[in-house]
Every structure is written in C-alpha cells, then in structure tokens.
C-alpha cells in the first residue's frame, strides 16, 4: 500500500503542476491520502506486533479494506462520478481481503465495492444533474459492477477459493 500511496501522491503533484485539478481538489486528495496512510501505517504496525492471532489479522485487514473502499468512493465522486478514471481503486480492497483466504469475506467485500461505486456515481449524478444521461449512469454501474465481480471471481480462481473456505 505504501507504493500505491507514493504513486498516488506523484499523480497529485503531476496533475497539480499541469493545472489539471483545482486547489480544492489538491487539498481533498492530499487529505484522503493522508488518512489512508495513517490507517495503513497503523494496521501495518499493529499487524507486525500480533502475528499469531488470526482474528486480529482479520480485523486489521477489514479495517484497511473499508478505508480503501472509502478512498475509492470519495475519489470516484471527486472525479465526476461515472466519468471517473479511478474505478480500478475498487480492486485494492479485494486484493487485501483475498490474503485472508476466505471466499465469504471476498464476496462480501466485492458487494461492498460495487455498492460504494454505485452510491458514489448516483450521488454525483444527482448532485450535478445533466452531466450525463441516466441510461449512461445505469449502464456504467452494470459494466463496472460486473467487472468488479469478474475480478473477484478471477481472484477466487487464482487463489483456489472456489470451494467453501471456512
């Protein structure tokens, strides 16, 4: 996650230096990145201290996944909802949860990711009406939601989580 944070910070600098985003957007992006780094650092530190407890690992990875979902949702909203180029961010929590080797946790996170994407795009669409067509909104939700589910299925195949993993 630290590498991702570094690349995201670099993208903020590049977009800001080219005047592609407003000052408010720069502040918003640095704020959410700082929050994500705090959560990631705390999870990393605590995880290193309690390596033997599976329940603690589940909680820490879940906290990190939820913070990544919030990050993806806010980023989608700030990048104009269905026009956002950050839909790939919804796969990050799936990869974090996949390390738990639990199919139910992965599917639950997938549902939360699709729901977060749908909420962010619908909220932006309704807050800034007439920036797109309603059919385009629903089509994008189906397309990207389906893509997130397909990626979750691929993660299950690659990590051998096709069977009950409790």
Protein backbone atom coordinates (compact mmCIF):
# COMPACT_ATOMS: atom_id res chain seq x y z
CA UNK A 1 0.00 0.00 0.00
CA UNK A 2 2.93 2.33 0.58
CA UNK A 3 3.92 2.05 -3.09
CA UNK A 4 0.36 2.84 -4.13
CA UNK A 5 0.35 5.88 -1.84
CA UNK A 6 3.62 7.03 -3.39
CA UNK A 7 2.27 6.74 -6.93
CA UNK A 8 -0.98 8.44 -5.94
CA UNK A 9 0.99 11.32 -4.36
CA UNK A 10 3.09 11.60 -7.52
CA UNK A 11 -0.09 11.78 -9.62
CA UNK A 12 -1.40 14.61 -7.44
CA UNK A 13 1.83 16.54 -7.99
CA UNK A 14 1.72 15.92 -11.75
CA UNK A 15 -1.95 16.88 -12.09
CA UNK A 16 -1.43 19.97 -9.94
CA UNK A 17 1.68 21.11 -11.80
CA UNK A 18 -0.22 20.86 -15.07
CA UNK A 19 -3.18 22.77 -13.59
CA UNK A 20 -5.47 19.81 -14.32
CA UNK A 21 -7.09 19.91 -10.88
CA UNK A 22 -8.19 22.80 -8.69
CA UNK A 23 -6.58 23.83 -5.41
CA UNK A 24 -9.55 22.39 -3.55
CA UNK A 25 -9.11 19.07 -5.34
CA UNK A 26 -5.43 19.03 -4.40
CA UNK A 27 -6.32 19.59 -0.74
CA UNK A 28 -9.05 16.93 -0.87
CA UNK A 29 -6.73 14.37 -2.44
CA UNK A 30 -3.86 15.04 -0.02
CA UNK A 31 -6.31 14.82 2.90
CA UNK A 32 -7.74 11.46 1.89
CA UNK A 33 -4.28 10.13 1.04
CA UNK A 34 -3.02 11.21 4.46
CA UNK A 35 -5.94 9.44 6.13
CA UNK A 36 -5.30 6.30 4.11
CA UNK A 37 -1.61 6.39 5.04
CA UNK A 38 -2.45 6.75 8.74
CA UNK A 39 -4.80 3.74 8.63
CA UNK A 40 -2.35 1.70 6.56
CA UNK A 41 0.57 2.54 8.86
CA UNK A 42 -1.38 1.67 12.00
CA UNK A 43 -2.58 -1.61 10.51
CA UNK A 44 0.97 -2.44 9.42
CA UNK A 45 2.43 -1.58 12.84
CA UNK A 46 -0.20 -3.48 14.82
CA UNK A 47 -0.07 -6.44 12.44
CA UNK A 48 3.68 -6.74 12.94
CA UNK A 49 3.19 -6.87 16.70
CA UNK A 50 0.46 -9.55 16.80
CA UNK A 51 1.40 -12.03 14.10
CA UNK A 52 -0.08 -15.12 15.77
CA UNK A 53 -3.73 -14.14 16.14
CA UNK A 54 -5.88 -14.80 13.10
CA UNK A 55 -8.83 -12.80 14.45
CA UNK A 56 -6.63 -9.73 14.84
CA UNK A 57 -5.38 -10.11 11.27
CA UNK A 58 -8.96 -10.36 10.03
CA UNK A 59 -9.93 -7.17 11.86
CA UNK A 60 -6.87 -5.24 10.67
CA UNK A 61 -7.29 -6.26 7.04
CA UNK A 62 -11.01 -5.48 7.22
CA UNK A 63 -10.26 -2.00 8.57
CA UNK A 64 -7.76 -1.45 5.76
CA UNK A 65 -10.25 -2.73 3.16
CA UNK A 66 -13.01 -0.43 4.43
CA UNK A 67 -10.64 2.55 4.37
CA UNK A 68 -9.71 1.65 0.78
CA UNK A 69 -13.40 1.48 -0.14
CA UNK A 70 -13.93 4.94 1.35
CA UNK A 71 -10.88 6.17 -0.57
CA UNK A 72 -12.24 4.73 -3.83
CA UNK A 73 -15.72 6.13 -3.21
CA UNK A 74 -14.54 9.66 -2.46
CA UNK A 75 -12.16 9.57 -5.42
CA UNK A 76 -14.94 8.44 -7.74
CA UNK A 77 -17.20 11.25 -6.54
CA UNK A 78 -14.46 13.89 -6.83
CA UNK A 79 -13.62 12.72 -10.35
CA UNK A 80 -17.15 13.36 -11.63
CA UNK A 81 -18.88 10.09 -10.76
CA UNK A 82 -19.37 7.84 -13.77
CA UNK A 83 -16.67 9.78 -15.66
CA UNK A 84 -14.10 8.81 -13.03
CA UNK A 85 -10.91 7.11 -14.13
CA UNK A 86 -10.33 5.63 -10.68
CA UNK A 87 -12.60 2.61 -10.86
CA UNK A 88 -9.54 0.40 -10.63
CA UNK A 89 -9.20 1.50 -6.98
CA UNK A 90 -12.16 -0.75 -6.09
CA UNK A 91 -9.98 -3.80 -6.70
CA UNK A 92 -7.48 -2.88 -3.97
CA UNK A 93 -9.73 -3.93 -1.06
CA UNK A 94 -10.42 -7.20 -2.86
CA UNK A 95 -6.71 -7.94 -3.04
CA UNK A 96 -6.28 -7.13 0.66
CA UNK A 97 -9.17 -9.39 1.69
CA UNK A 98 -8.02 -12.17 -0.65
CA UNK A 99 -4.98 -12.63 1.58
CA UNK A 100 -7.34 -13.95 4.27
CA UNK A 101 -8.15 -16.96 2.02
CA UNK A 102 -11.85 -16.68 2.84
CA UNK A 103 -14.32 -16.78 -0.04
CA UNK A 104 -17.17 -15.30 2.00
CA UNK A 105 -15.07 -12.33 3.07
CA UNK A 106 -14.01 -11.76 -0.55
CA UNK A 107 -17.59 -11.88 -1.84
CA UNK A 108 -18.77 -9.56 0.94
CA UNK A 109 -16.03 -7.08 0.07
CA UNK A 110 -16.98 -7.35 -3.60
CA UNK A 111 -20.59 -6.49 -2.80
CA UNK A 112 -19.42 -3.54 -0.69
CA UNK A 113 -17.15 -2.36 -3.52
CA UNK A 114 -19.95 -2.44 -6.09
CA UNK A 115 -22.32 -0.73 -3.66
CA UNK A 116 -19.76 2.00 -2.93
CA UNK A 117 -19.20 2.59 -6.64
CA UNK A 118 -22.94 2.74 -7.30
CA UNK A 119 -23.51 5.13 -4.40
CA UNK A 120 -20.70 7.49 -5.45
CA UNK A 121 -21.82 7.63 -9.08
CA UNK A 122 -25.52 8.05 -8.30
CA UNK A 123 -24.78 10.75 -5.71
CA UNK A 124 -22.63 12.70 -8.16
CA UNK A 125 -25.23 12.27 -10.91
CA UNK A 126 -27.96 13.66 -8.69
CA UNK A 127 -25.81 16.44 -7.22
CA UNK A 128 -24.72 17.61 -10.69
CA UNK A 129 -27.66 16.73 -12.88
CA UNK A 130 -27.35 16.92 -16.67
CA UNK A 131 -23.65 15.95 -16.78
CA UNK A 132 -24.67 12.68 -18.37
CA UNK A 133 -27.63 10.57 -19.31
CA UNK A 134 -29.48 8.38 -16.83
CA UNK A 135 -29.12 5.35 -19.11
CA UNK A 136 -25.37 6.00 -19.21
CA UNK A 137 -25.31 6.04 -15.40
CA UNK A 138 -27.07 2.69 -15.06
CA UNK A 139 -25.02 1.19 -17.88
CA UNK A 140 -21.77 2.22 -16.20
CA UNK A 141 -22.90 0.82 -12.86
CA UNK A 142 -23.73 -2.51 -14.50
CA UNK A 143 -20.49 -2.56 -16.52
CA UNK A 144 -18.10 -1.62 -13.71
CA UNK A 145 -20.04 -3.56 -11.08
CA UNK A 146 -19.89 -6.64 -13.28
CA UNK A 147 -16.19 -6.08 -13.91
CA UNK A 148 -15.53 -5.92 -10.17
CA UNK A 149 -17.39 -9.22 -9.72
CA UNK A 150 -15.43 -10.82 -12.57
CA UNK A 151 -12.17 -9.69 -10.98
CA UNK A 152 -13.31 -11.16 -7.65
CA UNK A 153 -14.08 -14.44 -9.44
CA UNK A 154 -10.62 -14.40 -11.04
CA UNK A 155 -9.06 -13.79 -7.62
CA UNK A 156 -11.02 -16.80 -6.31
CA UNK A 157 -9.74 -18.97 -9.17
CA UNK A 158 -6.14 -17.84 -8.80
CA UNK A 159 -6.12 -18.28 -5.01
CA UNK A 160 -8.14 -21.53 -5.14
CA UNK A 161 -11.14 -20.11 -3.24
CA UNK A 162 -13.77 -21.69 -5.48
CA UNK A 163 -14.86 -24.02 -2.70
CA UNK A 164 -16.11 -23.21 0.77
CA UNK A 165 -13.12 -21.81 2.63
CA UNK A 166 -14.29 -21.57 6.20
